[in-house]
Amino acid sequence: MTPPAARPYNFSAGPAAMPVEVLQQAANEMLDWQGTGMSVMEMSHRGKSFMSICEAAEQDLRELLAVPEQFRILFMQGGGLAENAIVPMNLSRGGVVDFVVTGSWSQKSAKEARKYATGHIAASNEADAHTTLPDPAKWQVSADAQYLHLCSNETIHGVEFHDLPDLKALGSDAPLVIDFSSHVASRPLDWSRVGLAFGGAQKNLGPAGLTLVVVREDLIGHALSSCPSAFDYKTVADNASMYNTPPTYAIYVAGLTFQWLKRQTEGNAKGIAAMEQRNIAKAKLLYDFIDSSQLYQNRVARNCRSRMNIPFFLRDESRNKAFLDGAQAAGLLQLKGHKSVGGMRASLYNAMPIEGVQALVAFMRHFESTQA
């Protein structure tokens, strides 16, 4: 199958754009996966064919993210919102949980966890309208916290922890839990500072439906008695993510994306290192233009700007509709900001090529030049 000569550039925050090579391969294999006579979505999740797909996907992900042996990789469902409940059901033991609130997603996490544990806000950037990151040296960590939760990239507000905090240096022995939904596989991760990472695949790794959980083995096996069996990390791990029927087709497409990521190169860099170089270049291109503009502005502090999700605003918001209509006509899609913050948002996930960002900047420059 020949891909379209020209596809629009999709800046959606998720479900998001996917690599054309992956979509094409999935299309080619839709009716018959490797001579089995079946589509992947028709296979038994416990059959030999799908088990080989799942095992390869897990191994490729472990290799890509350099996940240490003492961590288990779980393929689950429910997205980040469900994990806001599943994590405290598994890790809180009904005790105290610390939260660093940096935007909408960490706010939701803290609120949900209070159904299962005592939530404590160790730090918050709410006073700065979620445009900064609180200084870790000033975090008020709890002496008895079962874990500390943070969203390492806030998709809506556009702030990102480019370096994860060292909790031991802050005097905390609690494991760090991160929601890495919107930056997973966009940059390397220091697993020595992480106890558990979770994220929906629908932003950087595949279609909606698959949720990744990477959890250190010593944190497994402590679920509350009220935790449903299908959400108990020990049950899921003991059954190799097959305790219940997993999102089979989403795992398959994510596996194709993992293979695509492994093939990527940028100079001497490969895989995730190559993606990080590209993502830095893409984000810099857009931020540099916004900062030089008289029409557009980004309100996030420069030291914590997200590489993945770039919110921006027109200084004259009466022009918003004209901007969005013009962008769509130019083949630049899904640029409207989240309803809770307004403005615009460009999500620059791994599948967004530099050419898409160049096209966006060219349109933004042209649009500004037409505004008298």
Protein backbone atom coordinates (compact mmCIF):
# COMPACT_ATOMS: atom_id res chain seq x y z
CA MET A 1 0.00 0.00 0.00
CA THR A 2 1.34 3.41 -0.96
CA PRO A 3 0.94 6.12 1.70
CA PRO A 4 -0.89 9.32 0.78
CA ALA A 5 1.25 11.88 -1.04
CA ALA A 6 0.52 14.46 1.63
CA ARG A 7 -1.14 14.03 5.01
CA PRO A 8 -2.16 16.87 7.30
CA TYR A 9 -0.01 17.46 10.35
CA ASN A 10 -1.93 16.37 13.45
CA PHE A 11 -0.98 18.26 16.62
CA SER A 12 -3.54 16.48 18.83
CA ALA A 13 -2.61 15.92 22.48
CA GLY A 14 -3.99 12.38 22.33
CA PRO A 15 -5.04 10.15 20.80
CA ALA A 16 -2.25 11.52 18.71
CA ALA A 17 -0.44 11.20 15.40
CA MET A 18 1.32 7.92 14.75
CA PRO A 19 4.24 7.08 12.45
CA VAL A 20 3.05 6.54 8.89
CA GLU A 21 5.27 3.45 8.60
CA VAL A 22 3.46 1.90 11.56
CA LEU A 23 0.02 2.68 10.18
CA GLN A 24 1.00 1.28 6.80
CA GLN A 25 2.36 -1.95 8.28
CA ALA A 26 -0.75 -2.40 10.40
CA ALA A 27 -2.89 -1.85 7.28
CA ASN A 28 -0.87 -4.37 5.30
CA GLU A 29 -1.30 -6.97 8.05
CA MET A 30 -4.91 -6.18 8.87
CA LEU A 31 -6.48 -9.23 7.21
CA ASP A 32 -3.63 -11.70 7.58
CA TRP A 33 -0.89 -11.45 10.18
CA GLN A 34 2.22 -13.30 8.93
CA GLY A 35 0.34 -16.03 7.11
CA THR A 36 -1.95 -17.00 9.98
CA GLY A 37 -5.05 -16.12 7.99
CA MET A 38 -6.23 -13.95 10.90
CA SER A 39 -6.14 -10.32 11.83
CA VAL A 40 -4.42 -9.67 15.15
CA MET A 41 -7.72 -8.43 16.51
CA GLU A 42 -9.22 -11.87 15.82
CA MET A 43 -6.58 -13.86 17.70
CA SER A 44 -6.88 -15.49 21.08
CA HIS A 45 -4.82 -13.52 23.56
CA ARG A 46 -3.43 -16.80 24.89
CA GLY A 47 -2.67 -18.27 21.47
CA LYS A 48 0.87 -18.81 20.27
CA SER A 49 0.71 -16.05 17.64
CA PHE A 50 -0.44 -13.28 19.95
CA MET A 51 1.80 -14.41 22.78
CA SER A 52 4.76 -13.97 20.45
CA ILE A 53 3.57 -10.44 19.61
CA CYS A 54 3.17 -9.53 23.26
CA GLU A 55 6.50 -10.99 24.34
CA ALA A 56 8.33 -9.17 21.54
CA ALA A 57 6.60 -5.89 22.44
CA GLU A 58 7.61 -6.22 26.09
CA GLN A 59 11.21 -7.04 25.23
CA ASP A 60 11.48 -4.18 22.73
CA LEU A 61 10.04 -1.73 25.25
CA ARG A 62 12.45 -2.91 27.93
CA GLU A 63 15.35 -2.42 25.54
CA LEU A 64 14.15 0.98 24.31
CA LEU A 65 13.59 2.46 27.75
CA ALA A 66 16.58 0.63 29.30
CA VAL A 67 14.28 -0.80 31.98
CA PRO A 68 16.32 -2.65 34.64
CA GLU A 69 15.67 -6.32 35.40
CA GLN A 70 14.17 -5.57 38.82
CA PHE A 71 11.22 -3.82 37.16
CA ARG A 72 8.18 -5.58 35.73
CA ILE A 73 6.45 -4.29 32.61
CA LEU A 74 2.68 -4.66 32.72
CA PHE A 75 0.23 -4.13 29.87
CA MET A 76 -3.02 -2.91 31.38
CA GLN A 77 -6.13 -0.88 30.53
CA GLY A 78 -7.91 2.20 31.80
CA GLY A 79 -5.37 4.88 30.92
CA GLY A 80 -3.79 7.33 33.34
CA LEU A 81 -7.12 8.13 34.97
CA ALA A 82 -7.60 4.53 36.07
CA GLU A 83 -4.03 4.35 37.34
CA ASN A 84 -4.83 7.29 39.60
CA ALA A 85 -6.88 4.76 41.54
CA ILE A 86 -4.93 1.58 40.76
CA VAL A 87 -1.62 2.97 42.03
CA PRO A 88 -2.89 3.87 45.53
CA MET A 89 -4.82 0.61 45.72
CA ASN A 90 -1.51 -1.20 45.16
CA LEU A 91 1.07 1.00 46.86
CA SER A 92 -0.55 3.15 49.54
CA ARG A 93 -1.37 0.43 52.11
CA GLY A 94 -4.00 2.93 53.21
CA GLY A 95 -1.37 5.28 54.57
CA VAL A 96 0.00 8.68 53.59
CA VAL A 97 0.81 9.55 49.99
CA ASP A 98 2.69 12.69 48.94
CA PHE A 99 1.75 14.64 45.81
CA VAL A 100 3.51 17.35 43.87
CA VAL A 101 0.76 19.25 42.07
CA THR A 102 1.91 20.93 38.85
CA GLY A 103 -1.25 20.98 36.72
CA SER A 104 -4.55 19.35 35.89
CA TRP A 105 -3.33 15.76 35.78
CA SER A 106 -1.54 15.77 39.12
CA GLN A 107 -4.58 17.52 40.63
CA LYS A 108 -6.77 14.67 39.43
CA SER A 109 -4.29 12.11 40.76
CA ALA A 110 -4.30 13.64 44.22
CA LYS A 111 -8.08 13.87 44.34
CA GLU A 112 -8.58 10.24 43.28
CA ALA A 113 -5.97 8.85 45.67
CA ARG A 114 -7.79 10.32 48.66
CA LYS A 115 -10.44 7.62 48.21
CA TYR A 116 -7.84 5.02 49.22
CA ALA A 117 -5.21 6.86 51.25
CA THR A 118 -4.37 10.07 53.09
CA GLY A 119 -3.25 12.50 50.43
CA HIS A 120 -0.69 15.17 51.34
CA ILE A 121 0.32 18.00 49.01
CA ALA A 122 4.09 18.21 49.35
CA ALA A 123 4.35 21.07 46.85
CA SER A 124 2.20 22.94 44.36
CA ASN A 125 2.60 25.52 41.61
CA GLU A 126 -1.06 26.55 41.71
CA ALA A 127 -0.15 30.05 42.88
CA ASP A 128 1.79 30.48 39.62
CA ALA A 129 -1.14 29.23 37.49
CA HIS A 130 0.83 26.02 36.82
CA THR A 131 3.51 27.83 34.82
CA THR A 132 6.51 26.90 36.99
CA LEU A 133 7.82 23.88 38.87
CA PRO A 134 8.15 24.05 42.65
CA ASP A 135 11.75 23.89 43.86
CA PRO A 136 12.36 20.36 45.21
CA ALA A 137 14.44 21.82 48.03
CA LYS A 138 11.23 23.38 49.37
CA TRP A 139 9.00 20.33 49.10
CA GLN A 140 7.35 19.33 52.38
CA VAL A 141 7.74 15.58 52.12
CA SER A 142 6.09 13.32 54.70
CA ALA A 143 8.25 11.16 56.92
CA ASP A 144 5.86 8.23 56.56
CA ALA A 145 4.76 8.57 52.93
CA GLN A 146 4.24 5.28 51.09
CA TYR A 147 5.22 7.00 47.84
CA LEU A 148 5.47 10.43 46.23
CA HIS A 149 3.51 11.04 43.03
CA LEU A 150 4.20 13.56 40.31
CA CYS A 151 3.18 14.04 36.70
CA SER A 152 6.49 14.42 34.91
CA ASN A 153 4.87 16.18 31.95
CA GLU A 154 1.62 18.08 32.32
CA THR A 155 -0.14 17.71 28.97
CA ILE A 156 -2.57 20.60 29.48
CA HIS A 157 -0.38 23.22 31.14
CA GLY A 158 2.85 22.39 29.32
CA VAL A 159 5.34 22.02 32.18
CA GLU A 160 7.85 19.17 32.29
CA PHE A 161 10.35 17.76 34.77
CA HIS A 162 13.39 17.39 32.54
CA ASP A 163 15.24 15.86 35.50
CA LEU A 164 13.46 13.70 38.04
CA PRO A 165 13.95 14.60 41.71
CA ASP A 166 16.23 12.55 43.91
CA LEU A 167 13.92 11.84 46.83
CA LYS A 168 16.69 10.44 49.00
CA ALA A 169 18.50 13.77 48.73
CA LEU A 170 15.30 15.38 50.00
CA GLY A 171 15.27 13.12 53.03
CA SER A 172 12.54 10.80 51.78
CA ASP A 173 12.77 7.02 51.47
CA ALA A 174 9.45 6.88 49.60
CA PRO A 175 9.49 5.48 46.07
CA LEU A 176 8.81 7.97 43.30
CA VAL A 177 5.71 7.34 41.17
CA ILE A 178 5.52 9.21 37.88
CA ASP A 179 2.78 9.64 35.33
CA PHE A 180 4.87 9.71 32.14
CA SER A 181 1.96 9.37 29.74
CA SER A 182 2.91 12.28 27.50
CA HIS A 183 6.69 12.03 27.44
CA VAL A 184 7.36 8.29 27.57
CA ALA A 185 9.95 7.32 24.95
CA SER A 186 10.69 10.97 24.15
CA ARG A 187 13.85 11.00 26.28
CA PRO A 188 15.88 8.64 28.48
CA LEU A 189 14.69 8.00 32.03
CA ASP A 190 16.76 7.60 35.19
CA TRP A 191 15.24 4.43 36.65
CA SER A 192 17.41 4.68 39.76
CA ARG A 193 15.06 7.47 40.91
CA VAL A 194 11.80 5.73 39.99
CA GLY A 195 9.68 3.17 41.79
CA LEU A 196 6.80 3.07 39.34
CA ALA A 197 5.98 4.77 36.04
CA PHE A 198 2.65 4.59 34.26
CA GLY A 199 1.11 6.06 31.16
CA GLY A 200 -1.45 5.67 28.45
CA ALA A 201 0.05 4.70 25.11
CA GLN A 202 -2.16 7.01 23.06
CA LYS A 203 0.18 9.99 23.05
CA ASN A 204 3.61 8.69 22.08
CA LEU A 205 3.41 4.94 21.60
CA GLY A 206 0.22 3.75 19.98
CA PRO A 207 -3.57 3.79 19.97
CA ALA A 208 -5.84 4.40 22.93
CA GLY A 209 -6.64 1.37 25.06
CA LEU A 210 -3.20 0.27 26.24
CA THR A 211 -1.77 1.46 29.56
CA LEU A 212 1.86 0.82 30.48
CA VAL A 213 2.95 0.20 34.05
CA VAL A 214 6.64 -0.23 34.84
CA VAL A 215 6.93 -1.16 38.50
CA ARG A 216 9.82 -2.22 40.73
CA GLU A 217 9.32 -5.78 41.94
CA ASP A 218 9.56 -4.97 45.64
CA LEU A 219 6.50 -2.72 45.31
CA ILE A 220 4.33 -5.56 44.03
CA GLY A 221 2.21 -7.67 46.36
CA HIS A 222 0.88 -5.06 48.79
CA ALA A 223 -2.53 -4.29 47.30
CA LEU A 224 -5.45 -3.31 49.49
CA SER A 225 -7.92 -6.13 50.10
CA SER A 226 -10.52 -4.11 48.22
CA CYS A 227 -8.40 -3.93 45.07
CA PRO A 228 -10.03 -5.79 42.15
CA SER A 229 -8.00 -8.82 41.07
CA ALA A 230 -7.55 -7.49 37.54
CA PHE A 231 -5.95 -4.32 38.96
CA ASP A 232 -3.65 -6.06 41.47
CA TYR A 233 -0.14 -5.64 40.08
CA LYS A 234 0.91 -9.00 41.50
CA THR A 235 -1.93 -10.78 39.76
CA VAL A 236 -1.17 -9.00 36.50
CA ALA A 237 2.57 -9.70 36.78
CA ASP A 238 2.11 -13.35 37.77
CA ASN A 239 -0.06 -13.85 34.69
CA ALA A 240 2.21 -11.97 32.26
CA SER A 241 -0.50 -9.34 31.65
CA MET A 242 -2.91 -12.08 30.57
CA TYR A 243 -5.07 -12.43 33.69
CA ASN A 244 -7.89 -10.80 31.76
CA THR A 245 -8.11 -10.19 28.03
CA PRO A 246 -5.66 -7.36 27.35
CA PRO A 247 -6.08 -4.71 24.62
CA THR A 248 -4.59 -7.04 22.02
CA TYR A 249 -4.65 -4.83 18.94
CA ALA A 250 -3.34 -1.83 20.87
CA ILE A 251 -0.43 -3.96 22.14
CA TYR A 252 0.29 -5.09 18.58
CA VAL A 253 0.35 -1.53 17.19
CA ALA A 254 2.41 -0.31 20.13
CA GLY A 255 4.83 -3.14 19.39
CA LEU A 256 5.15 -1.90 15.81
CA THR A 257 5.86 1.57 17.19
CA PHE A 258 8.57 0.17 19.49
CA GLN A 259 10.21 -1.41 16.43
CA TRP A 260 9.94 1.89 14.56
CA LEU A 261 11.58 3.71 17.46
CA LYS A 262 14.45 1.22 17.52
CA ARG A 263 15.13 1.97 13.85
CA GLN A 264 15.40 5.74 14.34
CA THR A 265 18.80 7.40 14.09
CA GLU A 266 20.03 10.97 14.45
CA GLY A 267 23.74 11.31 13.80
CA ASN A 268 25.38 8.71 16.01
CA ALA A 269 22.35 8.48 18.29
CA LYS A 270 19.82 5.68 18.02
CA GLY A 271 16.40 4.88 19.44
CA ILE A 272 15.34 7.03 22.38
CA ALA A 273 18.53 9.09 22.28
CA ALA A 274 17.80 9.97 18.66
CA MET A 275 14.21 10.88 19.53
CA GLU A 276 15.38 13.17 22.31
CA GLN A 277 17.62 15.09 19.89
CA ARG A 278 14.74 15.50 17.46
CA ASN A 279 12.33 16.54 20.18
CA ILE A 280 14.71 19.17 21.52
CA ALA A 281 15.11 20.59 18.00
CA LYS A 282 11.36 20.61 17.32
CA ALA A 283 10.49 22.31 20.60
CA LYS A 284 13.26 24.88 20.22
CA LEU A 285 12.05 25.81 16.75
CA LEU A 286 8.52 26.55 17.97
CA TYR A 287 9.47 28.20 21.27
CA ASP A 288 12.06 30.43 19.59
CA PHE A 289 9.47 31.68 17.13
CA ILE A 290 6.84 32.28 19.81
CA ASP A 291 9.34 34.19 21.95
CA SER A 292 10.27 36.42 19.02
CA SER A 293 6.66 37.15 18.10
CA GLN A 294 4.51 40.16 18.97
CA LEU A 295 1.29 38.16 18.51
CA TYR A 296 1.92 34.85 20.28
CA GLN A 297 3.05 34.07 23.80
CA ASN A 298 3.91 31.05 25.93
CA ARG A 299 3.46 31.63 29.67
CA VAL A 300 5.51 28.73 31.06
CA ALA A 301 8.85 29.42 32.77
CA ARG A 302 11.64 28.63 30.34
CA ASN A 303 13.40 26.15 32.61
CA CYS A 304 10.42 23.78 32.69
CA ARG A 305 8.79 24.13 29.29
CA SER A 306 7.46 20.88 27.91
CA ARG A 307 9.02 19.50 24.76
CA MET A 308 5.89 17.51 24.03
CA ASN A 309 2.97 19.87 24.67
CA ILE A 310 3.39 23.55 23.87
CA PRO A 311 0.47 25.79 24.85
CA PHE A 312 0.46 29.27 23.37
CA PHE A 313 -1.90 32.21 23.24
CA LEU A 314 -2.70 35.01 20.84
CA ARG A 315 -2.32 38.32 22.61
CA ASP A 316 -5.56 39.32 20.91
CA GLU A 317 -7.83 36.34 21.56
CA SER A 318 -10.56 37.72 19.31
CA ARG A 319 -8.42 36.30 16.49
CA ASN A 320 -8.47 32.73 17.80
CA LYS A 321 -11.15 31.45 15.42
CA ALA A 322 -9.48 32.98 12.38
CA PHE A 323 -6.20 31.38 13.44
CA LEU A 324 -7.73 27.92 13.87
CA ASP A 325 -9.71 28.13 10.63
CA GLY A 326 -6.61 29.18 8.74
CA ALA A 327 -4.50 26.47 10.32
CA GLN A 328 -6.99 23.77 9.36
CA ALA A 329 -7.13 25.05 5.80
CA ALA A 330 -3.32 24.79 5.75
CA GLY A 331 -3.45 21.16 6.91
CA LEU A 332 -2.47 21.89 10.51
CA LEU A 333 -4.96 20.06 12.71
CA GLN A 334 -6.02 19.88 16.38
CA LEU A 335 -4.35 23.09 17.54
CA LYS A 336 -7.13 24.29 19.82
CA GLY A 337 -6.05 24.46 23.46
CA HIS A 338 -7.68 22.45 26.21
CA LYS A 339 -11.04 23.89 27.24
CA SER A 340 -9.82 24.48 30.80
CA VAL A 341 -7.05 26.88 29.72
CA GLY A 342 -8.04 28.08 26.26
CA GLY A 343 -5.65 29.36 23.64
CA MET A 344 -3.74 26.95 21.42
CA ARG A 345 -1.66 23.87 21.99
CA ALA A 346 0.75 22.06 19.69
CA SER A 347 1.72 18.54 20.75
CA LEU A 348 5.05 17.51 19.26
CA TYR A 349 5.18 13.80 20.01
CA ASN A 350 7.72 11.43 18.48
CA ALA A 351 5.65 10.87 15.33
CA MET A 352 5.56 14.59 14.51
CA PRO A 353 8.33 15.27 12.00
CA ILE A 354 10.37 18.47 12.02
CA GLU A 355 8.64 19.36 8.75
CA GLY A 356 5.34 19.59 10.62
CA VAL A 357 6.78 22.11 13.07
CA GLN A 358 8.34 24.06 10.21
CA ALA A 359 4.94 24.18 8.51
CA LEU A 360 3.30 25.39 11.72
CA VAL A 361 5.87 28.14 12.24
CA ALA A 362 5.50 29.23 8.61
CA PHE A 363 1.74 29.49 9.02
CA MET A 364 2.02 31.34 12.33
CA ARG A 365 4.45 33.82 10.77
CA HIS A 366 2.16 34.36 7.79
CA PHE A 367 -0.91 34.75 10.00
CA GLU A 368 0.88 37.33 12.15
CA SER A 369 1.93 39.28 9.06
CA THR A 370 -1.70 39.60 7.95
CA GLN A 371 -2.89 41.03 11.25
CA ALA A 372 -2.95 44.82 11.06
